[in-house]
Amino acid sequence: MESGPAIFAGTVFVLFGAALLVWTGARVLHRAPVAQGVNPVASATLATVAGAGALLLGIWCFAGL
């Protein structure tokens, strides 16, 4: 009964984390700013950490099934 919300939350977190990592990687690869008006290294690092954290959270949701 409670696996439905866990599957939904896990899917959302995994999709968001993967999309954020791909987008950040594309921006860094093209030497474009990840966030406007912020130190490029700090913004790329923070976006990478947030994307990896979302992926880990999604994996944790799936592991509870």
PDB file of N, CA and C in Angstrom:
ATOM      1  N   MET A   1       0.815  -1.191   0.000  1.00  0.00           N
ATOM      2  CA  MET A   1       0.000   0.000   0.000  1.00  0.00           C
ATOM      3  C   MET A   1       0.860   1.256   0.000  1.00  0.00           C
ATOM      4  N   GLU A   2       1.951   1.240   0.759  1.00  0.00           N
ATOM      5  CA  GLU A   2       2.796   2.422   0.830  1.00  0.00           C
ATOM      6  C   GLU A   2       3.903   2.419  -0.211  1.00  0.00           C
ATOM      7  N   SER A   3       3.940   1.439  -1.076  1.00  0.00           N
ATOM      8  CA  SER A   3       4.998   1.419  -2.085  1.00  0.00           C
ATOM      9  C   SER A   3       4.712   2.409  -3.213  1.00  0.00           C
ATOM     10  N   GLY A   4       3.462   2.771  -3.429  1.00  0.00           N
ATOM     11  CA  GLY A   4       3.109   3.728  -4.483  1.00  0.00           C
ATOM     12  C   GLY A   4       3.773   5.087  -4.288  1.00  0.00           C
ATOM     13  N   PRO A   5       3.626   5.707  -3.110  1.00  0.00           N
ATOM     14  CA  PRO A   5       4.294   6.984  -2.883  1.00  0.00           C
ATOM     15  C   PRO A   5       5.820   6.887  -2.935  1.00  0.00           C
ATOM     16  N   ALA A   6       6.378   5.767  -2.478  1.00  0.00           N
ATOM     17  CA  ALA A   6       7.835   5.600  -2.523  1.00  0.00           C
ATOM     18  C   ALA A   6       8.323   5.496  -3.959  1.00  0.00           C
ATOM     19  N   ILE A   7       7.554   4.800  -4.799  1.00  0.00           N
ATOM     20  CA  ILE A   7       7.939   4.698  -6.212  1.00  0.00           C
ATOM     21  C   ILE A   7       7.848   6.056  -6.884  1.00  0.00           C
ATOM     22  N   PHE A   8       6.782   6.801  -6.601  1.00  0.00           N
ATOM     23  CA  PHE A   8       6.622   8.134  -7.191  1.00  0.00           C
ATOM     24  C   PHE A   8       7.735   9.068  -6.742  1.00  0.00           C
ATOM     25  N   ALA A   9       8.000   9.119  -5.433  1.00  0.00           N
ATOM     26  CA  ALA A   9       9.034  10.012  -4.913  1.00  0.00           C
ATOM     27  C   ALA A   9      10.405   9.613  -5.434  1.00  0.00           C
ATOM     28  N   GLY A  10      10.689   8.321  -5.471  1.00  0.00           N
ATOM     29  CA  GLY A  10      11.975   7.858  -5.986  1.00  0.00           C
ATOM     30  C   GLY A  10      12.159   8.229  -7.444  1.00  0.00           C
ATOM     31  N   THR A  11      11.105   8.083  -8.244  1.00  0.00           N
ATOM     32  CA  THR A  11      11.178   8.439  -9.660  1.00  0.00           C
ATOM     33  C   THR A  11      11.422   9.934  -9.848  1.00  0.00           C
ATOM     34  N   VAL A  12      10.712  10.745  -9.076  1.00  0.00           N
ATOM     35  CA  VAL A  12      10.885  12.198  -9.177  1.00  0.00           C
ATOM     36  C   VAL A  12      12.304  12.596  -8.798  1.00  0.00           C
ATOM     37  N   PHE A  13      12.811  12.066  -7.698  1.00  0.00           N
ATOM     38  CA  PHE A  13      14.164  12.417  -7.264  1.00  0.00           C
ATOM     39  C   PHE A  13      15.225  11.965  -8.268  1.00  0.00           C
ATOM     40  N   VAL A  14      15.076  10.753  -8.794  1.00  0.00           N
ATOM     41  CA  VAL A  14      16.061  10.239  -9.754  1.00  0.00           C
ATOM     42  C   VAL A  14      16.036  11.069 -11.045  1.00  0.00           C
ATOM     43  N   LEU A  15      14.848  11.372 -11.541  1.00  0.00           N
ATOM     44  CA  LEU A  15      14.752  12.166 -12.775  1.00  0.00           C
ATOM     45  C   LEU A  15      15.311  13.575 -12.575  1.00  0.00           C
ATOM     46  N   PHE A  16      14.974  14.199 -11.446  1.00  0.00           N
ATOM     47  CA  PHE A  16      15.486  15.541 -11.176  1.00  0.00           C
ATOM     48  C   PHE A  16      17.000  15.533 -11.017  1.00  0.00           C
ATOM     49  N   GLY A  17      17.526  14.592 -10.259  1.00  0.00           N
ATOM     50  CA  GLY A  17      18.966  14.524 -10.043  1.00  0.00           C
ATOM     51  C   GLY A  17      19.729  14.265 -11.331  1.00  0.00           C
ATOM     52  N   ALA A  18      19.232  13.337 -12.147  1.00  0.00           N
ATOM     53  CA  ALA A  18      19.898  13.042 -13.409  1.00  0.00           C
ATOM     54  C   ALA A  18      19.843  14.245 -14.358  1.00  0.00           C
ATOM     55  N   ALA A  19      18.682  14.895 -14.428  1.00  0.00           N
ATOM     56  CA  ALA A  19      18.552  16.059 -15.303  1.00  0.00           C
ATOM     57  C   ALA A  19      19.463  17.197 -14.844  1.00  0.00           C
ATOM     58  N   LEU A  20      19.548  17.408 -13.543  1.00  0.00           N
ATOM     59  CA  LEU A  20      20.416  18.476 -13.031  1.00  0.00           C
ATOM     60  C   LEU A  20      21.885  18.178 -13.311  1.00  0.00           C
ATOM     61  N   LEU A  21      22.297  16.930 -13.164  1.00  0.00           N
ATOM     62  CA  LEU A  21      23.684  16.572 -13.450  1.00  0.00           C
ATOM     63  C   LEU A  21      24.004  16.702 -14.934  1.00  0.00           C
ATOM     64  N   VAL A  22      23.082  16.282 -15.794  1.00  0.00           N
ATOM     65  CA  VAL A  22      23.312  16.411 -17.241  1.00  0.00           C
ATOM     66  C   VAL A  22      23.366  17.878 -17.645  1.00  0.00           C
ATOM     67  N   TRP A  23      22.436  18.687 -17.124  1.00  0.00           N
ATOM     68  CA  TRP A  23      22.407  20.113 -17.461  1.00  0.00           C
ATOM     69  C   TRP A  23      23.681  20.817 -16.959  1.00  0.00           C
ATOM     70  N   THR A  24      24.086  20.514 -15.741  1.00  0.00           N
ATOM     71  CA  THR A  24      25.295  21.127 -15.190  1.00  0.00           C
ATOM     72  C   THR A  24      26.520  20.713 -16.001  1.00  0.00           C
ATOM     73  N   GLY A  25      26.590  19.439 -16.358  1.00  0.00           N
ATOM     74  CA  GLY A  25      27.714  18.972 -17.173  1.00  0.00           C
ATOM     75  C   GLY A  25      27.762  19.649 -18.531  1.00  0.00           C
ATOM     76  N   ALA A  26      26.608  19.852 -19.146  1.00  0.00           N
ATOM     77  CA  ALA A  26      26.571  20.536 -20.444  1.00  0.00           C
ATOM     78  C   ALA A  26      26.998  21.988 -20.320  1.00  0.00           C
ATOM     79  N   ARG A  27      26.562  22.654 -19.256  1.00  0.00           N
ATOM     80  CA  ARG A  27      26.950  24.057 -19.053  1.00  0.00           C
ATOM     81  C   ARG A  27      28.459  24.179 -18.806  1.00  0.00           C
ATOM     82  N   VAL A  28      29.004  23.281 -18.007  1.00  0.00           N
ATOM     83  CA  VAL A  28      30.437  23.316 -17.710  1.00  0.00           C
ATOM     84  C   VAL A  28      31.244  22.978 -18.959  1.00  0.00           C
ATOM     85  N   LEU A  29      30.765  22.011 -19.732  1.00  0.00           N
ATOM     86  CA  LEU A  29      31.458  21.612 -20.949  1.00  0.00           C
ATOM     87  C   LEU A  29      31.542  22.758 -21.960  1.00  0.00           C
ATOM     88  N   HIS A  30      30.493  23.558 -22.040  1.00  0.00           N
ATOM     89  CA  HIS A  30      30.479  24.700 -22.969  1.00  0.00           C
ATOM     90  C   HIS A  30      31.013  25.984 -22.331  1.00  0.00           C
ATOM     91  N   ARG A  31      31.523  25.856 -21.126  1.00  0.00           N
ATOM     92  CA  ARG A  31      32.066  26.993 -20.371  1.00  0.00           C
ATOM     93  C   ARG A  31      31.046  28.122 -20.217  1.00  0.00           C
ATOM     94  N   ALA A  32      29.800  27.747 -20.059  1.00  0.00           N
ATOM     95  CA  ALA A  32      28.721  28.705 -19.813  1.00  0.00           C
ATOM     96  C   ALA A  32      28.463  28.755 -18.307  1.00  0.00           C
ATOM     97  N   PRO A  33      27.950  29.870 -17.811  1.00  0.00           N
ATOM     98  CA  PRO A  33      27.704  29.949 -16.365  1.00  0.00           C
ATOM     99  C   PRO A  33      26.559  29.037 -15.941  1.00  0.00           C
ATOM    100  N   VAL A  34      26.729  28.389 -14.824  1.00  0.00           N
ATOM    101  CA  VAL A  34      25.670  27.544 -14.277  1.00  0.00           C
ATOM    102  C   VAL A  34      24.629  28.422 -13.594  1.00  0.00           C
ATOM    103  N   ALA A  35      25.077  29.455 -12.893  1.00  0.00           N
ATOM    104  CA  ALA A  35      24.194  30.438 -12.272  1.00  0.00           C
ATOM    105  C   ALA A  35      24.741  31.820 -12.590  1.00  0.00           C
ATOM    106  N   GLN A  36      23.869  32.706 -12.982  1.00  0.00           N
ATOM    107  CA  GLN A  36      24.273  34.054 -13.386  1.00  0.00           C
ATOM    108  C   GLN A  36      24.737  34.855 -12.173  1.00  0.00           C
ATOM    109  N   GLY A  37      25.893  35.475 -12.279  1.00  0.00           N
ATOM    110  CA  GLY A  37      26.394  36.361 -11.243  1.00  0.00           C
ATOM    111  C   GLY A  37      27.008  35.659 -10.040  1.00  0.00           C
ATOM    112  N   VAL A  38      27.337  34.386 -10.167  1.00  0.00           N
ATOM    113  CA  VAL A  38      27.911  33.625  -9.061  1.00  0.00           C
ATOM    114  C   VAL A  38      29.238  33.049  -9.537  1.00  0.00           C
ATOM    115  N   ASN A  39      30.143  32.800  -8.609  1.00  0.00           N
ATOM    116  CA  ASN A  39      31.417  32.176  -8.932  1.00  0.00           C
ATOM    117  C   ASN A  39      31.156  30.880  -9.693  1.00  0.00           C
ATOM    118  N   PRO A  40      31.745  30.699 -10.883  1.00  0.00           N
ATOM    119  CA  PRO A  40      31.460  29.509 -11.691  1.00  0.00           C
ATOM    120  C   PRO A  40      31.804  28.192 -11.003  1.00  0.00           C
ATOM    121  N   VAL A  41      32.901  28.159 -10.274  1.00  0.00           N
ATOM    122  CA  VAL A  41      33.285  26.921  -9.596  1.00  0.00           C
ATOM    123  C   VAL A  41      32.309  26.598  -8.474  1.00  0.00           C
ATOM    124  N   ALA A  42      31.922  27.602  -7.717  1.00  0.00           N
ATOM    125  CA  ALA A  42      30.992  27.374  -6.609  1.00  0.00           C
ATOM    126  C   ALA A  42      29.621  26.940  -7.110  1.00  0.00           C
ATOM    127  N   SER A  43      29.137  27.573  -8.169  1.00  0.00           N
ATOM    128  CA  SER A  43      27.807  27.208  -8.672  1.00  0.00           C
ATOM    129  C   SER A  43      27.811  25.808  -9.290  1.00  0.00           C
ATOM    130  N   ALA A  44      28.862  25.452 -10.002  1.00  0.00           N
ATOM    131  CA  ALA A  44      28.941  24.110 -10.581  1.00  0.00           C
ATOM    132  C   ALA A  44      29.057  23.052  -9.482  1.00  0.00           C
ATOM    133  N   THR A  45      29.818  23.351  -8.451  1.00  0.00           N
ATOM    134  CA  THR A  45      29.972  22.419  -7.335  1.00  0.00           C
ATOM    135  C   THR A  45      28.657  22.224  -6.597  1.00  0.00           C
ATOM    136  N   LEU A  46      27.972  23.311  -6.308  1.00  0.00           N
ATOM    137  CA  LEU A  46      26.704  23.217  -5.590  1.00  0.00           C
ATOM    138  C   LEU A  46      25.652  22.471  -6.416  1.00  0.00           C
ATOM    139  N   ALA A  47      25.596  22.743  -7.714  1.00  0.00           N
ATOM    140  CA  ALA A  47      24.632  22.044  -8.571  1.00  0.00           C
ATOM    141  C   ALA A  47      24.960  20.555  -8.663  1.00  0.00           C
ATOM    142  N   THR A  48      26.231  20.218  -8.718  1.00  0.00           N
ATOM    143  CA  THR A  48      26.627  18.811  -8.764  1.00  0.00           C
ATOM    144  C   THR A  48      26.282  18.096  -7.466  1.00  0.00           C
ATOM    145  N   VAL A  49      26.526  18.740  -6.350  1.00  0.00           N
ATOM    146  CA  VAL A  49      26.196  18.150  -5.046  1.00  0.00           C
ATOM    147  C   VAL A  49      24.683  17.971  -4.911  1.00  0.00           C
ATOM    148  N   ALA A  50      23.912  18.960  -5.356  1.00  0.00           N
ATOM    149  CA  ALA A  50      22.448  18.855  -5.280  1.00  0.00           C
ATOM    150  C   ALA A  50      21.933  17.737  -6.186  1.00  0.00           C
ATOM    151  N   GLY A  51      22.489  17.613  -7.381  1.00  0.00           N
ATOM    152  CA  GLY A  51      22.074  16.542  -8.284  1.00  0.00           C
ATOM    153  C   GLY A  51      22.415  15.167  -7.749  1.00  0.00           C
ATOM    154  N   ALA A  52      23.619  15.036  -7.214  1.00  0.00           N
ATOM    155  CA  ALA A  52      24.024  13.747  -6.638  1.00  0.00           C
ATOM    156  C   ALA A  52      23.189  13.426  -5.398  1.00  0.00           C
ATOM    157  N   GLY A  53      22.882  14.434  -4.608  1.00  0.00           N
ATOM    158  CA  GLY A  53      22.034  14.219  -3.434  1.00  0.00           C
ATOM    159  C   GLY A  53      20.639  13.764  -3.814  1.00  0.00           C
ATOM    160  N   ALA A  54      20.075  14.357  -4.867  1.00  0.00           N
ATOM    161  CA  ALA A  54      18.751  13.937  -5.326  1.00  0.00           C
ATOM    162  C   ALA A  54      18.789  12.503  -5.848  1.00  0.00           C
ATOM    163  N   LEU A  55      19.851  12.155  -6.562  1.00  0.00           N
ATOM    164  CA  LEU A  55      19.986  10.773  -7.033  1.00  0.00           C
ATOM    165  C   LEU A  55      20.065   9.799  -5.862  1.00  0.00           C
ATOM    166  N   LEU A  56      20.864  10.126  -4.874  1.00  0.00           N
ATOM    167  CA  LEU A  56      20.989   9.255  -3.703  1.00  0.00           C
ATOM    168  C   LEU A  56      19.673   9.137  -2.942  1.00  0.00           C
ATOM    169  N   LEU A  57      18.943  10.218  -2.845  1.00  0.00           N
ATOM    170  CA  LEU A  57      17.651  10.193  -2.175  1.00  0.00           C
ATOM    171  C   LEU A  57      16.665   9.321  -2.940  1.00  0.00           C
ATOM    172  N   GLY A  58      16.696   9.392  -4.274  1.00  0.00           N
ATOM    173  CA  GLY A  58      15.845   8.534  -5.082  1.00  0.00           C
ATOM    174  C   GLY A  58      16.207   7.063  -4.928  1.00  0.00           C
ATOM    175  N   ILE A  59      17.481   6.777  -4.888  1.00  0.00           N
ATOM    176  CA  ILE A  59      17.928   5.383  -4.693  1.00  0.00           C
ATOM    177  C   ILE A  59      17.510   4.893  -3.313  1.00  0.00           C
ATOM    178  N   TRP A  60      17.580   5.759  -2.321  1.00  0.00           N
ATOM    179  CA  TRP A  60      17.157   5.394  -0.967  1.00  0.00           C
ATOM    180  C   TRP A  60      15.656   5.072  -0.937  1.00  0.00           C
ATOM    181  N   CYS A  61      14.867   5.863  -1.689  1.00  0.00           N
ATOM    182  CA  CYS A  61      13.421   5.594  -1.763  1.00  0.00           C
ATOM    183  C   CYS A  61      13.164   4.226  -2.399  1.00  0.00           C
ATOM    184  N   PHE A  62      13.907   3.893  -3.450  1.00  0.00           N
ATOM    185  CA  PHE A  62      13.716   2.604  -4.098  1.00  0.00           C
ATOM    186  C   PHE A  62      14.232   1.443  -3.231  1.00  0.00           C
ATOM    187  N   ALA A  63      15.238   1.697  -2.416  1.00  0.00           N
ATOM    188  CA  ALA A  63      15.796   0.651  -1.580  1.00  0.00           C
ATOM    189  C   ALA A  63      14.826   0.237  -0.479  1.00  0.00           C
ATOM    190  N   GLY A  64      13.919   1.128  -0.124  1.00  0.00           N
ATOM    191  CA  GLY A  64      12.950   0.816   0.928  1.00  0.00           C
ATOM    192  C   GLY A  64      11.803  -0.059   0.470  1.00  0.00           C
ATOM    193  N   LEU A  65      11.755  -0.361  -0.816  1.00  0.00           N
ATOM    194  CA  LEU A  65      10.652  -1.187  -1.320  1.00  0.00           C
ATOM    195  C   LEU A  65      10.920  -2.578  -0.971  1.00  0.00           C
TER     196      LEU A  65
END
